C-alpha atoms as a PDB file:
ATOM      1  CA  UNK A   1     170.748 182.876 203.322  1.00  0.00           C
ATOM      2  CA  UNK A   2     171.593 185.369 200.601  1.00  0.00           C
ATOM      3  CA  UNK A   3     168.615 185.203 198.271  1.00  0.00           C
ATOM      4  CA  UNK A   4     171.558 185.721 195.219  1.00  0.00           C
ATOM      5  CA  UNK A   5     172.542 182.303 196.396  1.00  0.00           C
ATOM      6  CA  UNK A   6     169.216 180.892 195.918  1.00  0.00           C
ATOM      7  CA  UNK A   7     169.107 182.829 193.035  1.00  0.00           C
ATOM      8  CA  UNK A   8     172.278 181.173 191.316  1.00  0.00           C
ATOM      9  CA  UNK A   9     170.897 178.082 192.001  1.00  0.00           C
ATOM     10  CA  UNK A  10     167.562 179.026 189.861  1.00  0.00           C
ATOM     11  CA  UNK A  11     169.691 180.219 186.700  1.00  0.00           C
ATOM     12  CA  UNK A  12     171.099 177.134 187.167  1.00  0.00           C
ATOM     13  CA  UNK A  13     168.297 174.981 186.347  1.00  0.00           C
ATOM     14  CA  UNK A  14     166.796 178.142 183.920  1.00  0.00           C
ATOM     15  CA  UNK A  15     164.041 179.438 186.119  1.00  0.00           C
ATOM     16  CA  UNK A  16     162.558 178.907 189.487  1.00  0.00           C
ATOM     17  CA  UNK A  17     159.977 175.453 188.042  1.00  0.00           C
ATOM     18  CA  UNK A  18     163.345 174.364 186.842  1.00  0.00           C
ATOM     19  CA  UNK A  19     164.711 173.741 190.810  1.00  0.00           C
ATOM     20  CA  UNK A  20     161.499 173.175 192.426  1.00  0.00           C
ATOM     21  CA  UNK A  21     161.063 170.310 190.284  1.00  0.00           C
ATOM     22  CA  UNK A  22     164.833 169.227 190.564  1.00  0.00           C
ATOM     23  CA  UNK A  23     164.250 169.515 194.420  1.00  0.00           C
ATOM     24  CA  UNK A  24     161.072 168.011 194.426  1.00  0.00           C
ATOM     25  CA  UNK A  25     158.506 170.518 195.192  1.00  0.00           C
ATOM     26  CA  UNK A  26     156.439 172.799 193.425  1.00  0.00           C
ATOM     27  CA  UNK A  27     157.256 176.782 191.854  1.00  0.00           C
ATOM     28  CA  UNK A  28     155.599 178.417 194.948  1.00  0.00           C
ATOM     29  CA  UNK A  29     158.160 176.916 197.801  1.00  0.00           C
ATOM     30  CA  UNK A  30     160.918 178.518 195.593  1.00  0.00           C
ATOM     31  CA  UNK A  31     159.267 181.772 195.562  1.00  0.00           C
ATOM     32  CA  UNK A  32     158.455 181.145 198.983  1.00  0.00           C
ATOM     33  CA  UNK A  33     162.252 181.202 199.946  1.00  0.00           C
ATOM     34  CA  UNK A  34     163.621 183.531 196.942  1.00  0.00           C
ATOM     35  CA  UNK A  35     160.665 186.416 198.550  1.00  0.00           C
ATOM     36  CA  UNK A  36     159.773 186.014 201.739  1.00  0.00           C
ATOM     37  CA  UNK A  37     161.916 183.364 204.092  1.00  0.00           C
ATOM     38  CA  UNK A  38     165.442 184.191 205.418  1.00  0.00           C
ATOM     39  CA  UNK A  39     166.412 180.873 204.197  1.00  0.00           C
ATOM     40  CA  UNK A  40     165.830 177.687 202.318  1.00  0.00           C
ATOM     41  CA  UNK A  41     165.060 174.422 204.149  1.00  0.00           C
ATOM     42  CA  UNK A  42     167.807 172.753 205.267  1.00  0.00           C
ATOM     43  CA  UNK A  43     167.149 169.392 203.312  1.00  0.00           C
ATOM     44  CA  UNK A  44     166.476 171.542 200.197  1.00  0.00           C
ATOM     45  CA  UNK A  45     169.986 172.775 200.730  1.00  0.00           C
ATOM     46  CA  UNK A  46     171.215 169.588 200.952  1.00  0.00           C
ATOM     47  CA  UNK A  47     169.203 169.124 197.663  1.00  0.00           C
ATOM     48  CA  UNK A  48     169.976 171.579 195.659  1.00  0.00           C
ATOM     49  CA  UNK A  49     173.806 170.514 196.036  1.00  0.00           C
ATOM     50  CA  UNK A  50     173.103 166.981 195.135  1.00  0.00           C
ATOM     51  CA  UNK A  51     171.237 167.865 192.063  1.00  0.00           C
ATOM     52  CA  UNK A  52     174.095 170.514 190.874  1.00  0.00           C
ATOM     53  CA  UNK A  53     176.732 168.352 191.899  1.00  0.00           C
ATOM     54  CA  UNK A  54     178.322 170.284 194.128  1.00  0.00           C
ATOM     55  CA  UNK A  55     178.144 173.928 192.040  1.00  0.00           C
ATOM     56  CA  UNK A  56     176.182 175.078 194.622  1.00  0.00           C
ATOM     57  CA  UNK A  57     176.759 173.993 198.769  1.00  0.00           C
ATOM     58  CA  UNK A  58     175.208 173.918 201.376  1.00  0.00           C
ATOM     59  CA  UNK A  59     177.362 176.263 202.592  1.00  0.00           C
ATOM     60  CA  UNK A  60     176.339 179.018 200.671  1.00  0.00           C
ATOM     61  CA  UNK A  61     173.147 177.972 200.756  1.00  0.00           C
ATOM     62  CA  UNK A  62     173.048 177.623 205.179  1.00  0.00           C
ATOM     63  CA  UNK A  63     175.860 179.094 206.330  1.00  0.00           C
ATOM     64  CA  UNK A  64     174.092 179.442 210.064  1.00  0.00           C
ATOM     65  CA  UNK A  65     174.228 175.404 209.369  1.00  0.00           C
ATOM     66  CA  UNK A  66     177.376 174.462 207.908  1.00  0.00           C
ATOM     67  CA  UNK A  67     179.833 177.832 209.062  1.00  0.00           C
ATOM     68  CA  UNK A  68     182.800 176.176 210.866  1.00  0.00           C
ATOM     69  CA  UNK A  69     181.400 172.450 210.161  1.00  0.00           C
ATOM     70  CA  UNK A  70     183.420 169.919 208.276  1.00  0.00           C
ATOM     71  CA  UNK A  71     181.562 168.187 205.604  1.00  0.00           C
ATOM     72  CA  UNK A  72     182.475 164.581 203.731  1.00  0.00           C
ATOM     73  CA  UNK A  73     181.126 164.835 200.595  1.00  0.00           C
ATOM     74  CA  UNK A  74     180.296 161.529 198.617  1.00  0.00           C
ATOM     75  CA  UNK A  75     183.489 161.688 196.864  1.00  0.00           C
ATOM     76  CA  UNK A  76     185.385 161.475 199.764  1.00  0.00           C
ATOM     77  CA  UNK A  77     186.616 164.992 200.200  1.00  0.00           C
ATOM     78  CA  UNK A  78     186.531 166.842 203.592  1.00  0.00           C
ATOM     79  CA  UNK A  79     185.546 170.443 203.173  1.00  0.00           C
ATOM     80  CA  UNK A  80     186.054 172.884 206.014  1.00  0.00           C
ATOM     81  CA  UNK A  81     183.547 175.721 205.613  1.00  0.00           C
ATOM     82  CA  UNK A  82     184.978 178.738 206.877  1.00  0.00           C
ATOM     83  CA  UNK A  83     184.011 180.326 210.307  1.00  0.00           C
ATOM     84  CA  UNK A  84     182.287 183.715 210.658  1.00  0.00           C
ATOM     85  CA  UNK A  85     183.917 184.057 214.033  1.00  0.00           C
END
């Protein structure tokens, strides 16, 4: 995960605390993901996608898991992750 993608989610919610509240975590978790971790947990990537109504996708947050994978959105839309190969 690239830090700027998670920063995009922080900006969407206005702060690390705002993002944390939206995904049911504490601000310290968001700080950790931004500054220490190499990736956001997959369940959090899914929560961010849902909380942003798809503005920030699971594919952006976790391309290591969703790259090249077809995802079916709740709307029924099929989304094919771009393969980095």
